[in-house]
Amino acid sequence: MMKKITPNDLGATMYVPATHPELTRIACGEKYPELLSMVICLEDAVLDRDIPQALNNLRDTLLALKSPRHFNDGPLVFIRPRSTAMAARLVADKTFLLHAADGLVLPKFRLSSLDTWLSITAGTHLLWMPTLEDAEVYDVTKMQQMAEALKAKAADRVLALRIGGNDLMSVLGLRRSKEYTLYEGPLGYVIKMLVSVFGAQGFALTSPVCELIEPDDILRRELKQDVLHGLVGKTAIHPSQIPVIHHALRVAPRDYQEALRILNADSAVYKSDGAMCEPATHVNWAHRIIQQGKRYGYVETSHGGQDLGAAAQTG
């Protein structure tokens, strides 16, 4: 079965420098079999002097990947070029076998660069994951204009938009706290605004990285907020974060059963599980829950309602 990629397929997306010595093993699914998606980074994670090495490593990795690829061939592979100029070079240089990749992460994406990216990727299969990570992101009017333009010109290209948490904090001269989630600081407003603006145009968004690797209690708390806000995946910076992120994306059995009732309802409004249910307004949520359950599985609960998976990991 060939890939038909949806935002729910991203899961934990690990950023890997293009200079990484085991880049090919990671991209082929050998190093981290549980990894669902990765970004080969040629931007912030690579020094200027190392660009030639990074490009050679990328070229070798793409050559090693099978094409056409299937879901069981390893993680989805996206490339994060340093600039539009580098992206144009990668597309033009046929020694980079981009048919083995799934798309590009567009760094520091702005509305003013939209037409340039359209020109670069014209005639390719490459999906986009634009990254929202500069001062313009704080301007709701500019974000509304961007969302409308993307819907009009590139709706079929955009798989999801990535929220660049660290860069957005840097704009304010801040660094994330080691005691609080991103939602408890100024980025809480930004995430809510972006979900509202881009979600209303039908776009999915992914959650910023949690740079706190140990302990993982902040990550777990943040993931609960990610799910509450409808974010479809999360950037990972360490392989230990992968199972934690995927665990958080599992669907509760009660939500799955509710989704089935909504999709098969023959009443306009009814009471279900102690709440009013109106299928006409809940059908999009129901479809999403079904897709998410198929991808990540379901929470196993004890008779008391405790998440057995979480208990096993934290106990």
Protein backbone atom coordinates (compact mmCIF):
# COMPACT_ATOMS: atom_id res chain seq x y z
CA MET A 1 0.00 0.00 0.00
CA MET A 2 1.45 3.35 -1.05
CA LYS A 3 1.60 6.26 1.30
CA LYS A 4 -1.43 8.47 1.61
CA ILE A 5 -0.14 10.85 4.23
CA THR A 6 -2.37 12.66 6.72
CA PRO A 7 -1.41 14.96 9.61
CA ASN A 8 -2.29 12.16 12.03
CA ASP A 9 0.61 10.13 10.64
CA LEU A 10 3.27 12.51 12.00
CA GLY A 11 3.27 11.56 15.68
CA ALA A 12 6.61 12.36 17.28
CA THR A 13 8.68 14.16 14.64
CA MET A 14 12.36 13.96 15.43
CA TYR A 15 14.70 16.63 14.08
CA VAL A 16 18.04 15.14 13.03
CA PRO A 17 21.01 17.22 11.83
CA ALA A 18 21.99 16.32 8.28
CA THR A 19 25.52 15.78 9.62
CA HIS A 20 24.39 12.98 11.97
CA PRO A 21 26.62 9.92 11.46
CA GLU A 22 23.65 7.55 11.60
CA LEU A 23 21.29 9.63 9.47
CA THR A 24 20.71 6.84 6.96
CA ARG A 25 19.91 4.25 9.64
CA ILE A 26 17.41 6.61 11.24
CA ALA A 27 15.75 7.46 7.91
CA CYS A 28 15.49 3.78 6.96
CA GLY A 29 13.78 2.95 10.26
CA GLU A 30 16.64 0.82 11.58
CA LYS A 31 17.82 3.01 14.46
CA TYR A 32 14.41 3.93 15.94
CA PRO A 33 11.73 1.56 14.56
CA GLU A 34 8.98 3.34 16.50
CA LEU A 35 9.70 6.72 14.89
CA LEU A 36 6.88 7.85 12.57
CA SER A 37 8.38 11.00 11.07
CA MET A 38 11.67 12.86 10.96
CA VAL A 39 13.10 16.12 9.68
CA ILE A 40 16.59 16.14 8.19
CA CYS A 41 17.78 19.56 9.25
CA LEU A 42 20.14 21.66 7.14
CA GLU A 43 19.31 24.87 8.98
CA ASP A 44 19.84 25.70 12.67
CA ALA A 45 21.35 22.31 13.54
CA VAL A 46 24.21 22.64 11.03
CA LEU A 47 27.13 25.10 11.14
CA ASP A 48 28.00 27.03 7.98
CA ARG A 49 31.32 25.24 7.67
CA ASP A 50 29.59 21.85 7.78
CA ILE A 51 27.14 22.47 4.93
CA PRO A 52 29.13 20.51 2.31
CA GLN A 53 29.32 17.48 4.61
CA ALA A 54 25.61 17.81 5.43
CA LEU A 55 24.61 17.89 1.76
CA ASN A 56 26.75 14.85 0.98
CA ASN A 57 25.19 12.98 3.90
CA LEU A 58 21.71 13.93 2.70
CA ARG A 59 22.51 12.77 -0.83
CA ASP A 60 23.73 9.39 0.43
CA THR A 61 20.70 8.96 2.68
CA LEU A 62 18.19 9.69 -0.08
CA LEU A 63 20.02 7.20 -2.31
CA ALA A 64 19.65 4.53 0.39
CA LEU A 65 15.91 5.06 0.79
CA LYS A 66 13.54 2.92 -1.22
CA SER A 67 11.30 4.58 -3.75
CA PRO A 68 8.40 4.38 -4.08
CA ARG A 69 8.19 4.00 -0.33
CA HIS A 70 5.57 2.30 1.83
CA PHE A 71 4.44 2.90 5.39
CA ASN A 72 6.55 0.03 6.65
CA ASP A 73 9.74 1.38 5.05
CA GLY A 74 10.55 3.67 7.96
CA PRO A 75 9.51 7.14 9.11
CA LEU A 76 8.12 9.88 6.91
CA VAL A 77 11.11 11.93 5.79
CA PHE A 78 11.07 15.71 5.47
CA ILE A 79 13.99 17.97 4.61
CA ARG A 80 14.51 21.35 6.22
CA PRO A 81 16.63 23.47 3.85
CA ARG A 82 18.55 26.47 5.07
CA SER A 83 16.82 28.89 2.69
CA THR A 84 14.73 29.11 -0.46
CA ALA A 85 17.98 29.21 -2.43
CA MET A 86 19.11 25.90 -0.94
CA ALA A 87 15.67 24.38 -1.54
CA ALA A 88 15.83 25.41 -5.20
CA ARG A 89 19.27 23.83 -5.45
CA LEU A 90 18.06 20.55 -3.97
CA VAL A 91 15.14 20.36 -6.41
CA ALA A 92 17.28 21.26 -9.43
CA ASP A 93 20.18 18.93 -8.61
CA LYS A 94 19.01 15.48 -9.70
CA THR A 95 21.74 13.80 -7.62
CA PHE A 96 19.46 14.51 -4.65
CA LEU A 97 16.79 11.84 -5.09
CA LEU A 98 13.94 13.84 -3.61
CA HIS A 99 11.37 11.28 -4.77
CA ALA A 100 12.52 9.30 -1.73
CA ALA A 101 11.48 12.14 0.62
CA ASP A 102 7.94 13.11 1.58
CA GLY A 103 8.26 16.84 1.75
CA LEU A 104 10.01 19.97 2.95
CA VAL A 105 9.90 21.90 6.21
CA LEU A 106 9.83 25.56 5.19
CA PRO A 107 11.93 27.54 7.68
CA LYS A 108 10.78 30.91 8.99
CA PHE A 109 7.84 30.89 6.62
CA ARG A 110 6.21 34.20 5.75
CA LEU A 111 3.38 35.17 3.45
CA SER A 112 5.90 37.10 1.35
CA SER A 113 7.75 33.84 0.57
CA LEU A 114 4.65 31.87 -0.50
CA ASP A 115 5.01 32.39 -4.24
CA THR A 116 8.71 31.55 -4.11
CA TRP A 117 8.00 28.21 -2.43
CA LEU A 118 5.23 27.51 -4.94
CA SER A 119 7.69 28.07 -7.77
CA ILE A 120 10.39 25.88 -6.18
CA THR A 121 8.11 22.89 -5.58
CA ALA A 122 6.07 23.15 -8.78
CA GLY A 123 6.14 19.83 -10.61
CA THR A 124 7.21 17.89 -7.51
CA HIS A 125 5.24 15.69 -5.09
CA LEU A 126 6.79 17.38 -2.06
CA LEU A 127 4.42 18.27 0.77
CA TRP A 128 4.97 21.37 2.88
CA MET A 129 5.30 21.88 6.59
CA PRO A 130 5.76 25.65 6.94
CA THR A 131 7.31 26.68 10.24
CA LEU A 132 5.82 29.65 12.10
CA GLU A 133 8.76 31.01 14.05
CA ASP A 134 9.36 34.74 13.70
CA ALA A 135 7.96 38.01 15.06
CA GLU A 136 5.13 38.13 12.49
CA VAL A 137 3.52 35.13 14.17
CA TYR A 138 2.46 37.35 17.06
CA ASP A 139 0.36 39.47 14.67
CA VAL A 140 -3.06 37.87 14.35
CA THR A 141 -3.93 39.93 11.27
CA LYS A 142 -0.87 38.70 9.40
CA MET A 143 -1.62 35.14 10.44
CA GLN A 144 -5.18 35.45 9.14
CA GLN A 145 -3.85 36.75 5.81
CA MET A 146 -1.37 33.87 5.64
CA ALA A 147 -4.01 31.26 6.41
CA GLU A 148 -6.32 32.61 3.72
CA ALA A 149 -3.50 32.73 1.16
CA LEU A 150 -2.37 29.19 1.93
CA LYS A 151 -5.90 27.92 1.55
CA ALA A 152 -6.30 29.70 -1.78
CA LYS A 153 -2.92 28.77 -3.28
CA ALA A 154 -1.43 25.78 -1.47
CA ALA A 155 -4.13 23.85 0.37
CA ASP A 156 -3.07 20.59 -1.32
CA ARG A 157 0.60 21.18 -0.50
CA VAL A 158 0.37 21.88 3.24
CA LEU A 159 0.38 18.77 5.39
CA ALA A 160 0.61 20.73 8.64
CA LEU A 161 2.09 23.91 10.02
CA ARG A 162 4.81 23.65 12.65
CA ILE A 163 4.93 26.03 15.61
CA GLY A 164 8.55 26.99 16.32
CA GLY A 165 8.37 27.41 20.07
CA ASN A 166 12.01 28.17 20.86
CA ASP A 167 12.31 30.76 18.10
CA LEU A 168 9.07 32.42 19.16
CA MET A 169 10.29 32.60 22.76
CA SER A 170 13.59 34.04 21.50
CA VAL A 171 11.69 36.90 19.84
CA LEU A 172 10.59 37.92 23.35
CA GLY A 173 14.05 37.41 24.83
CA LEU A 174 12.77 34.45 26.81
CA ARG A 175 13.58 30.78 27.25
CA ARG A 176 11.03 28.20 28.33
CA SER A 177 10.80 27.48 32.05
CA LYS A 178 11.96 24.18 33.52
CA GLU A 179 8.95 24.19 35.83
CA TYR A 180 6.03 25.14 33.59
CA THR A 181 4.61 24.07 30.24
CA LEU A 182 4.60 26.40 27.25
CA TYR A 183 0.89 26.93 27.79
CA GLU A 184 1.57 28.62 31.12
CA GLY A 185 3.65 31.37 29.50
CA PRO A 186 3.14 33.83 26.63
CA LEU A 187 3.18 31.06 24.04
CA GLY A 188 -0.09 29.80 25.47
CA TYR A 189 -1.86 32.71 23.78
CA VAL A 190 0.03 32.18 20.53
CA ILE A 191 -0.88 28.50 20.28
CA LYS A 192 -4.55 29.23 20.95
CA MET A 193 -4.54 31.99 18.34
CA LEU A 194 -2.81 29.88 15.69
CA VAL A 195 -5.14 26.92 16.26
CA SER A 196 -8.13 29.22 15.88
CA VAL A 197 -6.83 31.05 12.79
CA PHE A 198 -5.39 28.13 10.82
CA GLY A 199 -7.78 25.48 12.12
CA ALA A 200 -10.69 27.55 10.86
CA GLN A 201 -9.17 27.30 7.36
CA GLY A 202 -8.82 23.52 7.66
CA PHE A 203 -5.11 23.31 8.48
CA ALA A 204 -3.50 21.09 11.11
CA LEU A 205 -0.73 22.28 13.42
CA THR A 206 2.00 20.46 15.31
CA SER A 207 3.24 21.23 18.78
CA PRO A 208 6.60 22.80 19.66
CA VAL A 209 9.44 20.76 21.07
CA CYS A 210 9.79 20.20 24.79
CA GLU A 211 13.52 20.61 25.36
CA LEU A 212 13.29 19.18 28.89
CA ILE A 213 14.33 15.56 28.44
CA GLU A 214 14.57 14.41 32.05
CA PRO A 215 12.40 14.12 33.99
CA ASP A 216 9.50 13.87 31.55
CA ASP A 217 6.67 15.12 33.78
CA ILE A 218 6.62 18.54 32.05
CA LEU A 219 6.44 16.80 28.68
CA ARG A 220 3.49 14.69 29.82
CA ARG A 221 1.63 17.74 31.16
CA GLU A 222 2.33 19.65 27.97
CA LEU A 223 1.10 16.76 25.81
CA LYS A 224 -2.27 16.83 27.58
CA GLN A 225 -2.58 20.48 26.58
CA ASP A 226 -1.45 19.67 23.03
CA VAL A 227 -4.26 17.14 22.67
CA LEU A 228 -6.77 19.54 24.23
CA HIS A 229 -5.83 22.17 21.63
CA GLY A 230 -6.12 19.71 18.75
CA LEU A 231 -2.44 19.66 17.78
CA VAL A 232 -1.63 16.60 15.69
CA GLY A 233 1.92 15.76 16.72
CA LYS A 234 4.96 17.06 18.54
CA THR A 235 8.57 17.76 17.72
CA ALA A 236 10.96 15.43 19.53
CA ILE A 237 14.61 16.17 20.23
CA HIS A 238 15.50 12.87 21.92
CA PRO A 239 14.46 9.28 21.16
CA SER A 240 13.24 8.81 24.75
CA GLN A 241 10.44 11.30 23.95
CA ILE A 242 9.02 9.21 21.10
CA PRO A 243 7.05 6.63 23.14
CA VAL A 244 5.82 9.31 25.55
CA ILE A 245 4.42 11.39 22.69
CA HIS A 246 2.80 8.40 20.99
CA HIS A 247 1.30 7.25 24.28
CA ALA A 248 -0.34 10.65 24.74
CA LEU A 249 -1.92 10.44 21.28
CA ARG A 250 -3.78 7.21 22.05
CA VAL A 251 -7.55 7.48 22.14
CA ALA A 252 -9.69 6.83 25.21
CA PRO A 253 -12.23 4.02 24.61
CA ARG A 254 -15.10 6.29 25.65
CA ASP A 255 -14.09 8.82 22.99
CA TYR A 256 -13.90 6.08 20.37
CA GLN A 257 -17.36 4.79 21.27
CA GLU A 258 -18.73 8.34 21.26
CA ALA A 259 -17.23 8.95 17.83
CA LEU A 260 -18.89 5.82 16.46
CA ARG A 261 -22.26 6.90 17.88
CA ILE A 262 -21.89 10.33 16.27
CA LEU A 263 -21.03 8.91 12.87
CA ASN A 264 -23.95 6.49 13.01
CA ALA A 265 -26.49 8.77 14.68
CA ASP A 266 -30.07 9.00 13.43
CA SER A 267 -31.02 11.87 15.76
CA ALA A 268 -30.16 15.54 15.46
CA VAL A 269 -29.54 15.94 19.19
CA TYR A 270 -29.31 13.32 21.92
CA LYS A 271 -27.82 12.66 25.34
CA SER A 272 -24.73 10.46 25.47
CA ASP A 273 -22.36 9.67 28.34
CA GLY A 274 -23.87 12.43 30.45
CA ALA A 275 -23.55 15.18 27.86
CA MET A 276 -25.50 16.65 24.96
CA CYS A 277 -24.37 15.37 21.59
CA GLU A 278 -25.13 17.19 18.35
CA PRO A 279 -23.70 15.15 15.44
CA ALA A 280 -23.84 18.02 12.95
CA THR A 281 -21.31 19.96 15.03
CA HIS A 282 -19.30 17.00 16.33
CA VAL A 283 -18.76 15.00 13.14
CA ASN A 284 -15.33 16.49 12.36
CA TRP A 285 -14.14 15.57 15.85
CA ALA A 286 -15.52 12.07 15.40
CA HIS A 287 -13.65 11.47 12.14
CA ARG A 288 -10.45 12.72 13.74
CA ILE A 289 -10.84 10.41 16.75
CA ILE A 290 -11.34 7.38 14.51
CA GLN A 291 -8.23 8.23 12.46
CA GLN A 292 -6.17 8.86 15.58
CA GLY A 293 -7.25 5.58 17.16
CA LYS A 294 -6.29 3.62 14.06
CA ARG A 295 -2.83 5.20 14.06
CA TYR A 296 -1.92 5.19 17.76
CA GLY A 297 -4.25 2.69 19.39
CA TYR A 298 -6.38 3.02 22.48
CA VAL A 299 -5.81 3.67 26.15
CA GLU A 300 -6.03 0.55 28.29
CA THR A 301 -7.85 1.34 31.51
CA SER A 302 -8.45 -0.52 34.72
CA HIS A 303 -11.93 -0.83 36.21
CA GLY A 304 -11.19 2.30 38.22
CA GLY A 305 -10.44 4.27 35.05
CA GLN A 306 -6.66 4.51 35.57
CA ASP A 307 -4.53 4.52 32.43
CA LEU A 308 -2.60 1.27 32.75
CA GLY A 309 -0.05 2.33 30.16
CA ALA A 310 0.77 5.52 32.03
CA ALA A 311 0.86 3.67 35.34
CA ALA A 312 3.32 1.17 33.94
CA GLN A 313 5.62 3.91 32.69
CA THR A 314 5.52 6.04 35.80
CA GLY A 315 5.26 3.34 38.44
